[in-house]
Amino acid sequence: MRIAFNATALLSPLTGIGQYAFELATRMAADPAHELHCFYGLGWSQEVRTSPLPGVDKLFPWLRRLVPNSYGVSRFLQNRNFRRKAPAGRFDVYHEPNFLPFSFKGPLVTTVHDLSWIRYPEAHPVERVEAMTRYFEPGLRRATLVLTDSVFVKNEVVEVFGVDPARIIPIPLGVNPLFRPLQADETVDVMGKLGLRHGSYLLAVGTLEPRKNLVTALRAYAGLPSQHQDAFPLVVAGIKGWRTETLDQVLEPLVAAGKVRLTGYLEREELARVIAGATALVYPSIYEGFGLPPLEAMACGVPTIVSNAASLPEVVGDTGIVVSPHDTEALRDAMLRMIESSQLRQDLGAQALRRAGLFSWDACLEQTLGAYRRAIAMN
């Protein structure tokens, strides 16, 4: 197949959608049975890149600073460039892995990761909500097939937009082999760099933005006995996002007291070691289309504390402690149980490791390629 693939998500630090695009693109590019063409905003390449093409890194920040409606302008320019270099017949199928497809005359597969800007618009920047409101539904209607990361999101799309369920294919994400159980001697370099002890910290992973509900996690952690806070600091790993004013206020005294450690964005190799060395992963997000960090923790044999919201129970199953995302007391008690019971950690970690074996990027790719073939046959 000749596949057009929007790879612009690879040009930013690789969080959830970027990881999804990267895992699919690298596997397709390595398969000689397929001809992958990646679009990077100003140009195309058959290479999978994770750094901007010359000019891209300078053009779009400039647009955001100086041009009104910068997202609309940049999308117009990218869409025009995409159409000019993707004439009818050049590609067998176009996959948009990041919600908003460009114009394309041919089979179109688009991935919808969640509907968080509809369910929780207050958790997003205003300009993002405006852009999604304007561009999402027209692209959804044009798609030959729609992929979702979970059955939960499929049901959301059917409920909100009335899309025929037969046009939507839920395909679970996978987990990179980097994420596996590690012993203390295998994480010692990263532990030393970050001032941590293997097996002696709680971990929260994700972009620092309201939807991840880190404020509740911090307040729950602050309610732990001081001796537990001293022995088990809370490590927060993730790039700073948006609307963090309340989060910053709660974070400041805990960071100043040394109870909470901020790592910022971690490259995948470091992140895998930090997850594998954690006592437990704390992930009380109010809304997720899948929840990749809990799956990565599960693959490391690390038990999880997750919210009972959206798709997270679909991923974690009965291998973690599940609480209401707004129940600070229940979240605190879950942290306490994880800290105090090595047997609980061992049992849940073993169950999590077995369940993680059900998810793989190879399986995700095979199902995605199947969707491409189906879309081509339908066109």
Protein backbone atom coordinates (compact mmCIF):
# COMPACT_ATOMS: atom_id res chain seq x y z
CA MET A 1 0.00 0.00 0.00
CA ARG A 2 1.03 3.58 -0.66
CA ILE A 3 0.17 5.30 2.62
CA ALA A 4 -0.04 9.04 3.29
CA PHE A 5 0.52 9.69 6.99
CA ASN A 6 0.34 13.02 8.80
CA ALA A 7 3.48 12.95 10.95
CA THR A 8 3.41 16.51 12.30
CA ALA A 9 2.74 15.12 15.81
CA LEU A 10 6.30 13.79 15.74
CA LEU A 11 7.74 17.30 15.68
CA SER A 12 6.78 18.05 19.30
CA PRO A 13 7.84 16.20 22.47
CA LEU A 14 6.30 12.76 22.14
CA THR A 15 3.38 12.50 24.53
CA GLY A 16 0.38 10.21 23.94
CA ILE A 17 -0.61 11.06 20.36
CA GLY A 18 3.00 11.51 19.33
CA GLN A 19 3.85 8.06 20.69
CA TYR A 20 0.92 6.55 18.81
CA ALA A 21 2.04 8.15 15.54
CA PHE A 22 5.68 7.21 16.15
CA GLU A 23 5.00 3.55 16.92
CA LEU A 24 2.79 3.09 13.85
CA ALA A 25 5.04 5.05 11.49
CA THR A 26 8.30 3.34 12.48
CA ARG A 27 6.76 -0.09 12.02
CA MET A 28 5.19 0.75 8.66
CA ALA A 29 8.40 2.32 7.41
CA ALA A 30 10.33 -0.84 8.30
CA ASP A 31 7.97 -3.07 6.28
CA PRO A 32 8.91 -3.29 2.57
CA ALA A 33 5.35 -4.33 1.76
CA HIS A 34 4.24 -0.74 2.34
CA GLU A 35 5.31 2.62 0.96
CA LEU A 36 4.97 5.17 3.73
CA HIS A 37 4.96 8.91 2.95
CA CYS A 38 5.08 11.17 6.01
CA PHE A 39 3.78 14.75 5.84
CA TYR A 40 5.65 17.24 8.06
CA GLY A 41 3.80 20.49 7.49
CA LEU A 42 6.05 21.99 4.84
CA GLY A 43 7.15 18.84 3.09
CA TRP A 44 7.05 15.09 2.68
CA SER A 45 9.57 12.39 3.50
CA GLN A 46 9.75 8.62 3.55
CA GLU A 47 11.81 8.90 6.71
CA VAL A 48 10.26 8.89 10.15
CA ARG A 49 11.61 12.06 11.76
CA THR A 50 11.31 13.32 15.32
CA SER A 51 12.76 16.77 14.70
CA PRO A 52 11.41 19.57 12.49
CA LEU A 53 12.27 19.96 8.84
CA PRO A 54 14.25 23.15 8.17
CA GLY A 55 11.94 26.11 8.58
CA VAL A 56 9.08 24.36 10.40
CA ASP A 57 10.47 25.00 13.87
CA LYS A 58 10.77 28.73 13.12
CA LEU A 59 7.63 29.29 11.06
CA PHE A 60 4.90 28.08 13.39
CA PRO A 61 6.12 29.70 16.65
CA TRP A 62 6.38 32.93 14.67
CA LEU A 63 2.81 32.51 13.45
CA ARG A 64 1.52 31.85 16.98
CA ARG A 65 3.15 35.01 18.32
CA LEU A 66 2.39 37.48 15.57
CA VAL A 67 -0.56 36.34 13.49
CA PRO A 68 -4.21 36.53 14.65
CA ASN A 69 -5.95 33.15 14.42
CA SER A 70 -2.52 31.57 14.06
CA TYR A 71 -3.89 28.01 14.21
CA GLY A 72 -6.30 28.70 11.36
CA VAL A 73 -3.55 30.30 9.28
CA SER A 74 -1.08 27.47 9.87
CA ARG A 75 -3.75 24.86 9.14
CA PHE A 76 -4.68 26.65 5.90
CA LEU A 77 -1.03 26.65 4.80
CA GLN A 78 -0.49 23.03 5.73
CA ASN A 79 -3.74 21.92 4.10
CA ARG A 80 -2.82 23.70 0.86
CA ASN A 81 0.62 22.12 0.87
CA PHE A 82 -0.84 18.70 1.66
CA ARG A 83 -3.34 18.87 -1.21
CA ARG A 84 -0.76 20.09 -3.70
CA LYS A 85 1.52 17.14 -3.02
CA ALA A 86 -1.16 14.51 -2.49
CA PRO A 87 -3.09 14.50 -5.78
CA ALA A 88 -5.77 11.92 -6.39
CA GLY A 89 -4.26 8.53 -7.16
CA ARG A 90 -0.82 9.12 -5.69
CA PHE A 91 -1.69 7.37 -2.42
CA ASP A 92 -3.94 4.38 -1.79
CA VAL A 93 -5.03 5.64 1.64
CA TYR A 94 -4.47 8.60 3.95
CA HIS A 95 -4.28 8.11 7.72
CA GLU A 96 -4.75 11.11 9.99
CA PRO A 97 -3.52 9.96 13.44
CA ASN A 98 -4.34 13.24 15.19
CA PHE A 99 -8.08 14.04 14.96
CA LEU A 100 -8.15 16.65 12.14
CA PRO A 101 -7.63 15.32 8.60
CA PHE A 102 -6.60 17.49 5.69
CA SER A 103 -8.60 17.49 2.45
CA PHE A 104 -8.00 14.28 0.52
CA LYS A 105 -9.73 12.70 -2.48
CA GLY A 106 -9.53 9.05 -1.62
CA PRO A 107 -9.89 6.58 1.25
CA LEU A 108 -9.45 8.42 4.54
CA VAL A 109 -8.85 6.81 7.95
CA THR A 110 -8.83 9.15 10.94
CA THR A 111 -8.07 8.39 14.58
CA VAL A 112 -10.17 9.94 17.34
CA HIS A 113 -8.36 9.56 20.64
CA ASP A 114 -11.01 11.17 22.87
CA LEU A 115 -13.69 13.86 23.04
CA SER A 116 -12.17 15.68 25.99
CA TRP A 117 -12.61 19.17 24.48
CA ILE A 118 -16.37 18.47 24.43
CA ARG A 119 -16.69 16.70 27.76
CA TYR A 120 -14.26 18.98 29.62
CA PRO A 121 -13.73 22.17 27.59
CA GLU A 122 -12.60 24.00 30.73
CA ALA A 123 -9.53 21.74 30.84
CA HIS A 124 -8.22 22.99 27.48
CA PRO A 125 -6.89 26.28 26.12
CA VAL A 126 -9.68 28.32 24.52
CA GLU A 127 -7.98 28.36 21.12
CA ARG A 128 -7.77 24.55 21.09
CA VAL A 129 -11.46 24.17 21.87
CA GLU A 130 -12.30 26.66 19.11
CA ALA A 131 -10.14 24.83 16.59
CA MET A 132 -11.55 21.42 17.46
CA THR A 133 -15.11 22.75 17.35
CA ARG A 134 -14.51 24.21 13.90
CA TYR A 135 -12.54 21.46 12.19
CA PHE A 136 -13.29 18.15 13.89
CA GLU A 137 -16.80 17.25 12.76
CA PRO A 138 -16.29 18.03 9.04
CA GLY A 139 -13.23 15.76 9.06
CA LEU A 140 -15.12 13.07 10.95
CA ARG A 141 -17.90 13.13 8.35
CA ARG A 142 -15.40 12.84 5.48
CA ALA A 143 -13.62 9.82 6.96
CA THR A 144 -14.15 6.48 5.32
CA LEU A 145 -13.38 4.77 8.62
CA VAL A 146 -12.76 6.08 12.14
CA LEU A 147 -10.33 4.46 14.56
CA THR A 148 -10.54 4.89 18.34
CA ASP A 149 -8.18 3.77 21.09
CA SER A 150 -10.94 2.14 23.12
CA VAL A 151 -14.52 0.91 23.04
CA PHE A 152 -15.32 3.77 25.41
CA VAL A 153 -14.35 6.41 22.82
CA LYS A 154 -16.19 4.55 20.06
CA ASN A 155 -19.36 4.76 22.13
CA GLU A 156 -18.69 8.46 22.78
CA VAL A 157 -18.41 9.21 19.06
CA VAL A 158 -21.62 7.31 18.33
CA GLU A 159 -23.46 9.10 21.14
CA VAL A 160 -22.26 12.64 20.41
CA PHE A 161 -22.08 12.65 16.61
CA GLY A 162 -24.43 9.85 15.59
CA VAL A 163 -21.78 8.09 13.51
CA ASP A 164 -22.69 4.63 12.25
CA PRO A 165 -20.97 2.19 14.66
CA ALA A 166 -19.97 0.05 11.68
CA ARG A 167 -17.66 2.88 10.53
CA ILE A 168 -15.77 2.95 13.84
CA ILE A 169 -13.07 0.43 14.74
CA PRO A 170 -11.67 0.42 18.31
CA ILE A 171 -8.00 -0.60 18.26
CA PRO A 172 -6.17 -0.70 21.62
CA LEU A 173 -2.75 0.87 21.82
CA GLY A 174 0.38 -1.11 22.59
CA VAL A 175 3.39 -0.90 24.86
CA ASN A 176 7.01 -0.47 23.77
CA PRO A 177 9.47 -3.22 24.84
CA LEU A 178 11.43 -0.51 26.69
CA PHE A 179 8.80 -0.85 29.41
CA ARG A 180 9.60 -4.04 31.32
CA PRO A 181 10.41 -5.08 34.89
CA LEU A 182 13.85 -3.83 35.94
CA GLN A 183 16.00 -4.52 38.98
CA ALA A 184 17.61 -1.77 41.03
CA ASP A 185 21.01 -2.21 39.35
CA GLU A 186 19.36 -1.56 35.97
CA THR A 187 17.95 1.81 37.04
CA VAL A 188 20.82 3.05 39.18
CA ASP A 189 22.04 5.64 36.65
CA VAL A 190 18.67 7.38 36.39
CA MET A 191 17.99 7.02 40.12
CA GLY A 192 21.27 8.73 40.89
CA LYS A 193 20.63 11.51 38.40
CA LEU A 194 17.21 12.28 39.89
CA GLY A 195 18.10 11.64 43.53
CA LEU A 196 15.69 8.72 43.92
CA ARG A 197 15.78 5.21 45.39
CA HIS A 198 14.48 2.29 43.36
CA GLY A 199 11.13 1.14 44.77
CA SER A 200 10.77 4.08 47.15
CA TYR A 201 8.64 6.72 45.43
CA LEU A 202 5.17 7.21 44.06
CA LEU A 203 5.00 8.38 40.45
CA ALA A 204 2.59 10.54 38.46
CA VAL A 205 3.13 10.78 34.68
CA GLY A 206 1.46 13.09 32.19
CA THR A 207 1.30 16.56 30.72
CA LEU A 208 0.74 19.08 33.49
CA GLU A 209 -2.77 20.20 32.59
CA PRO A 210 -6.17 20.12 34.34
CA ARG A 211 -7.51 16.93 32.77
CA LYS A 212 -4.79 14.84 34.43
CA ASN A 213 -6.21 15.86 37.83
CA LEU A 214 -2.81 16.22 39.47
CA VAL A 215 -4.21 18.74 41.95
CA THR A 216 -6.29 15.97 43.54
CA ALA A 217 -3.28 13.64 43.54
CA LEU A 218 -1.18 16.29 45.30
CA ARG A 219 -3.83 17.00 47.91
CA ALA A 220 -4.23 13.29 48.58
CA TYR A 221 -0.48 12.87 48.90
CA ALA A 222 -0.27 15.85 51.27
CA GLY A 223 -2.66 13.96 53.58
CA LEU A 224 -0.25 11.06 54.06
CA PRO A 225 1.64 10.75 57.34
CA SER A 226 4.83 12.79 57.22
CA GLN A 227 7.02 9.72 57.71
CA HIS A 228 5.57 8.20 54.53
CA GLN A 229 6.14 11.42 52.61
CA ASP A 230 9.77 11.41 53.77
CA ALA A 231 10.29 7.78 52.74
CA PHE A 232 8.19 7.88 49.54
CA PRO A 233 8.36 11.22 47.71
CA LEU A 234 5.89 11.85 44.91
CA VAL A 235 7.66 12.20 41.57
CA VAL A 236 5.82 14.12 38.83
CA ALA A 237 7.11 13.46 35.30
CA GLY A 238 5.73 15.43 32.38
CA ILE A 239 5.98 18.52 30.26
CA LYS A 240 4.23 21.66 31.49
CA GLY A 241 0.96 22.21 29.68
CA TRP A 242 -1.74 24.83 30.13
CA ARG A 243 -3.96 26.31 32.82
CA THR A 244 -1.57 25.32 35.59
CA GLU A 245 -2.25 28.22 37.97
CA THR A 246 -4.07 26.12 40.59
CA LEU A 247 -1.63 23.25 40.15
CA ASP A 248 1.33 25.59 40.67
CA GLN A 249 -0.18 26.90 43.92
CA VAL A 250 -0.58 23.39 45.32
CA LEU A 251 2.80 22.23 44.02
CA GLU A 252 4.92 25.07 45.37
CA PRO A 253 4.96 24.23 49.12
CA LEU A 254 5.31 20.49 48.48
CA VAL A 255 8.25 21.01 46.13
CA ALA A 256 9.85 23.50 48.55
CA ALA A 257 9.58 20.92 51.34
CA GLY A 258 11.19 18.23 49.17
CA LYS A 259 8.06 16.06 49.29
CA VAL A 260 7.37 16.34 45.54
CA ARG A 261 10.03 16.08 42.82
CA LEU A 262 9.47 17.49 39.33
CA THR A 263 11.46 15.85 36.52
CA GLY A 264 10.00 17.69 33.54
CA TYR A 265 9.76 15.83 30.23
CA LEU A 266 11.73 12.57 30.17
CA GLU A 267 12.98 10.80 27.06
CA ARG A 268 11.51 7.34 26.64
CA GLU A 269 14.56 5.41 27.87
CA GLU A 270 14.69 7.44 31.09
CA LEU A 271 10.93 7.32 31.54
CA ALA A 272 10.94 3.52 31.27
CA ARG A 273 13.49 3.32 34.09
CA VAL A 274 11.66 5.83 36.26
CA ILE A 275 8.40 3.91 35.86
CA ALA A 276 10.07 0.55 36.53
CA GLY A 277 11.58 1.91 39.75
CA ALA A 278 8.34 3.28 41.17
CA THR A 279 6.42 1.90 44.13
CA ALA A 280 3.17 2.60 42.27
CA LEU A 281 1.83 4.82 39.49
CA VAL A 282 -0.79 7.40 40.53
CA TYR A 283 -3.04 8.35 37.60
CA PRO A 284 -6.37 9.91 38.68
CA SER A 285 -7.21 11.50 35.32
CA ILE A 286 -10.77 12.72 34.92
CA TYR A 287 -10.94 11.67 31.27
CA GLU A 288 -8.78 9.47 29.03
CA GLY A 289 -9.34 7.93 25.64
CA PHE A 290 -6.94 5.14 26.57
CA GLY A 291 -4.29 5.85 29.24
CA LEU A 292 -0.84 4.88 27.98
CA PRO A 293 1.14 5.56 31.22
CA PRO A 294 -0.88 3.01 33.24
CA LEU A 295 -0.27 0.38 30.54
CA GLU A 296 3.44 1.19 30.54
CA ALA A 297 3.53 0.82 34.31
CA MET A 298 1.68 -2.49 34.05
CA ALA A 299 4.29 -3.74 31.56
CA CYS A 300 6.95 -2.91 34.16
CA GLY A 301 5.10 -4.93 36.80
CA VAL A 302 4.34 -1.72 38.70
CA PRO A 303 0.88 -1.53 40.33
CA THR A 304 -1.38 1.38 39.46
CA ILE A 305 -3.86 3.66 41.20
CA VAL A 306 -6.24 5.00 38.55
CA SER A 307 -9.58 6.76 38.40
CA ASN A 308 -12.75 4.92 37.49
CA ALA A 309 -13.39 7.42 34.68
CA ALA A 310 -13.66 6.94 30.93
CA SER A 311 -11.44 4.24 29.40
CA LEU A 312 -9.07 3.62 32.30
CA PRO A 313 -10.94 0.61 33.77
CA GLU A 314 -10.96 -0.84 30.23
CA VAL A 315 -7.15 -0.76 30.20
CA VAL A 316 -6.30 -1.60 33.80
CA GLY A 317 -9.05 -4.15 34.48
CA ASP A 318 -8.77 -5.59 38.00
CA THR A 319 -4.98 -5.19 38.21
CA GLY A 320 -4.93 -1.85 40.08
CA ILE A 321 -6.76 0.16 42.71
CA VAL A 322 -9.60 2.12 41.09
CA VAL A 323 -11.04 5.22 42.78
CA SER A 324 -13.29 8.13 41.95
CA PRO A 325 -11.17 10.94 40.44
CA HIS A 326 -12.68 13.49 42.84
CA ASP A 327 -12.42 11.43 46.04
CA THR A 328 -9.27 12.79 47.68
CA GLU A 329 -9.67 10.59 50.75
CA ALA A 330 -10.02 7.39 48.70
CA LEU A 331 -6.97 8.34 46.67
CA ARG A 332 -4.96 9.02 49.82
CA ASP A 333 -6.01 5.67 51.28
CA ALA A 334 -4.99 3.90 48.07
CA MET A 335 -1.52 5.50 48.26
CA LEU A 336 -1.29 4.45 51.90
CA ARG A 337 -2.17 0.85 51.07
CA MET A 338 0.45 0.72 48.32
CA ILE A 339 3.14 2.14 50.62
CA GLU A 340 2.36 -0.11 53.59
CA SER A 341 1.69 -3.46 51.90
CA SER A 342 4.50 -5.04 49.90
CA GLN A 343 2.26 -8.09 49.38
CA LEU A 344 -0.43 -5.95 47.75
CA ARG A 345 2.17 -4.37 45.48
CA GLN A 346 3.56 -7.76 44.55
CA ASP A 347 0.16 -9.30 43.81
CA LEU A 348 -1.16 -6.38 41.78
CA GLY A 349 2.14 -5.94 39.95
CA ALA A 350 2.13 -9.60 38.85
CA GLN A 351 -1.48 -9.34 37.66
CA ALA A 352 -0.68 -6.11 35.83
CA LEU A 353 2.30 -7.64 34.06
CA ARG A 354 0.17 -10.52 32.78
CA ARG A 355 -2.56 -8.18 31.56
CA ALA A 356 -0.06 -5.90 29.80
CA GLY A 357 0.83 -8.88 27.61
CA LEU A 358 -2.57 -8.51 25.93
CA PHE A 359 -1.51 -5.16 24.39
CA SER A 360 1.14 -4.74 21.70
CA TRP A 361 2.04 -2.20 19.02
CA ASP A 362 2.44 -5.03 16.50
CA ALA A 363 -1.19 -6.02 17.07
CA CYS A 364 -2.22 -2.36 16.89
CA LEU A 365 -0.41 -2.03 13.55
CA GLU A 366 -1.94 -5.19 12.08
CA GLN A 367 -5.44 -4.03 12.95
CA THR A 368 -4.68 -0.56 11.59
CA LEU A 369 -3.42 -1.99 8.30
CA GLY A 370 -6.60 -4.06 8.17
CA ALA A 371 -8.60 -0.85 8.51
CA TYR A 372 -6.63 0.68 5.63
CA ARG A 373 -7.43 -2.28 3.40
CA ARG A 374 -11.09 -2.12 4.37
CA ALA A 375 -11.22 1.63 3.65
CA ILE A 376 -9.68 1.08 0.22
CA ALA A 377 -12.23 -1.62 -0.57
CA MET A 378 -15.08 0.68 0.51
CA ASN A 379 -13.99 3.63 -1.60
